[in-house]
Amino acid sequence: MIKVELKLPKKLEQHLNYLEAVSKQPKEFIVREALIQYIEDMEDIQKLSVLSVLEKKKTKTYTTKELNKQIGL
């Protein structure tokens, strides 16, 4: 397990204090859950990026000369 110490801007600290009060969950839990969500989102974005590159590789590209030949110009 890793221990992390953060210095948060005042506004973010206020939001965190509010969430702690209304959710009845400790700040550590809220921050941990937010970090888990962020990491999952970033992994999803990375996977989509890789899939996008793979899809582009499946698509054949043509030169202008090749296209002109196919349409009879």
C-alpha atoms as a PDB file:
ATOM      1  CA  MET A   1       0.000   0.000   0.000  1.00  0.00           C
ATOM      2  CA  ILE A   2       1.194   3.491  -0.835  1.00  0.00           C
ATOM      3  CA  LYS A   3       0.615   6.502   1.365  1.00  0.00           C
ATOM      4  CA  VAL A   4       0.127   9.856  -0.389  1.00  0.00           C
ATOM      5  CA  GLU A   5       0.023  13.325   1.079  1.00  0.00           C
ATOM      6  CA  LEU A   6      -1.738  16.056  -0.894  1.00  0.00           C
ATOM      7  CA  LYS A   7      -1.901  19.808  -0.727  1.00  0.00           C
ATOM      8  CA  LEU A   8      -5.236  20.773  -2.183  1.00  0.00           C
ATOM      9  CA  PRO A   9      -6.397  24.194  -3.300  1.00  0.00           C
ATOM     10  CA  LYS A  10      -8.829  25.720  -0.795  1.00  0.00           C
ATOM     11  CA  LYS A  11     -11.821  25.367  -3.157  1.00  0.00           C
ATOM     12  CA  LEU A  12     -11.151  21.649  -3.726  1.00  0.00           C
ATOM     13  CA  GLU A  13     -10.717  21.133   0.003  1.00  0.00           C
ATOM     14  CA  GLN A  14     -14.103  22.764   0.579  1.00  0.00           C
ATOM     15  CA  HIS A  15     -15.721  20.435  -1.965  1.00  0.00           C
ATOM     16  CA  LEU A  16     -14.086  17.464  -0.298  1.00  0.00           C
ATOM     17  CA  ASN A  17     -15.283  18.593   3.133  1.00  0.00           C
ATOM     18  CA  TYR A  18     -18.806  18.965   1.739  1.00  0.00           C
ATOM     19  CA  LEU A  19     -18.767  15.489   0.192  1.00  0.00           C
ATOM     20  CA  GLU A  20     -17.480  14.023   3.426  1.00  0.00           C
ATOM     21  CA  ALA A  21     -20.358  15.621   5.337  1.00  0.00           C
ATOM     22  CA  VAL A  22     -23.162  14.647   2.962  1.00  0.00           C
ATOM     23  CA  SER A  23     -21.911  11.156   2.087  1.00  0.00           C
ATOM     24  CA  LYS A  24     -20.845  10.241   5.619  1.00  0.00           C
ATOM     25  CA  GLN A  25     -17.706   8.757   4.034  1.00  0.00           C
ATOM     26  CA  PRO A  26     -14.182   9.716   5.125  1.00  0.00           C
ATOM     27  CA  LYS A  27     -12.124  11.953   2.840  1.00  0.00           C
ATOM     28  CA  GLU A  28      -9.674   9.109   2.243  1.00  0.00           C
ATOM     29  CA  PHE A  29     -12.477   6.971   0.815  1.00  0.00           C
ATOM     30  CA  ILE A  30     -13.716   9.772  -1.450  1.00  0.00           C
ATOM     31  CA  VAL A  31     -10.230  10.525  -2.785  1.00  0.00           C
ATOM     32  CA  ARG A  32      -9.483   6.816  -3.306  1.00  0.00           C
ATOM     33  CA  GLU A  33     -12.746   6.312  -5.234  1.00  0.00           C
ATOM     34  CA  ALA A  34     -12.089   9.424  -7.333  1.00  0.00           C
ATOM     35  CA  LEU A  35      -8.592   8.173  -8.146  1.00  0.00           C
ATOM     36  CA  ILE A  36      -9.913   4.729  -9.105  1.00  0.00           C
ATOM     37  CA  GLN A  37     -12.487   6.329 -11.413  1.00  0.00           C
ATOM     38  CA  TYR A  38      -9.847   8.588 -12.975  1.00  0.00           C
ATOM     39  CA  ILE A  39      -7.489   5.682 -13.627  1.00  0.00           C
ATOM     40  CA  GLU A  40     -10.283   3.587 -15.161  1.00  0.00           C
ATOM     41  CA  ASP A  41     -11.283   6.513 -17.394  1.00  0.00           C
ATOM     42  CA  MET A  42      -7.699   7.041 -18.551  1.00  0.00           C
ATOM     43  CA  GLU A  43      -7.327   3.313 -19.293  1.00  0.00           C
ATOM     44  CA  ASP A  44     -10.551   3.415 -21.340  1.00  0.00           C
ATOM     45  CA  ILE A  45      -9.294   6.438 -23.285  1.00  0.00           C
ATOM     46  CA  GLN A  46      -5.997   4.660 -23.949  1.00  0.00           C
ATOM     47  CA  LYS A  47      -7.812   1.550 -25.194  1.00  0.00           C
ATOM     48  CA  LEU A  48      -9.989   3.667 -27.497  1.00  0.00           C
ATOM     49  CA  SER A  49      -6.899   5.397 -28.831  1.00  0.00           C
ATOM     50  CA  VAL A  50      -5.221   2.065 -29.607  1.00  0.00           C
ATOM     51  CA  LEU A  51      -8.405   0.739 -31.238  1.00  0.00           C
ATOM     52  CA  SER A  52      -8.643   3.884 -33.342  1.00  0.00           C
ATOM     53  CA  VAL A  53      -5.086   3.400 -34.603  1.00  0.00           C
ATOM     54  CA  LEU A  54      -5.790  -0.262 -35.368  1.00  0.00           C
ATOM     55  CA  GLU A  55      -8.958   0.644 -37.278  1.00  0.00           C
ATOM     56  CA  LYS A  56      -7.042   3.178 -39.362  1.00  0.00           C
ATOM     57  CA  LYS A  57      -4.514   0.485 -40.283  1.00  0.00           C
ATOM     58  CA  LYS A  58      -7.347  -1.698 -41.597  1.00  0.00           C
ATOM     59  CA  THR A  59      -8.512   1.076 -43.919  1.00  0.00           C
ATOM     60  CA  LYS A  60      -6.808   1.137 -47.295  1.00  0.00           C
ATOM     61  CA  THR A  61      -5.638   4.511 -48.498  1.00  0.00           C
ATOM     62  CA  TYR A  62      -5.300   5.406 -52.160  1.00  0.00           C
ATOM     63  CA  THR A  63      -3.134   7.871 -53.989  1.00  0.00           C
ATOM     64  CA  THR A  64      -4.727  10.355 -56.359  1.00  0.00           C
ATOM     65  CA  LYS A  65      -3.211   8.396 -59.260  1.00  0.00           C
ATOM     66  CA  GLU A  66      -4.854   5.163 -58.027  1.00  0.00           C
ATOM     67  CA  LEU A  67      -8.239   6.846 -57.623  1.00  0.00           C
ATOM     68  CA  ASN A  68      -8.060   8.414 -61.066  1.00  0.00           C
ATOM     69  CA  LYS A  69      -7.241   5.008 -62.549  1.00  0.00           C
ATOM     70  CA  GLN A  70     -10.224   3.394 -60.755  1.00  0.00           C
ATOM     71  CA  ILE A  71     -12.676   5.996 -62.053  1.00  0.00           C
ATOM     72  CA  GLY A  72     -11.193   5.920 -65.553  1.00  0.00           C
ATOM     73  CA  LEU A  73      -9.394   9.256 -65.703  1.00  0.00           C
END
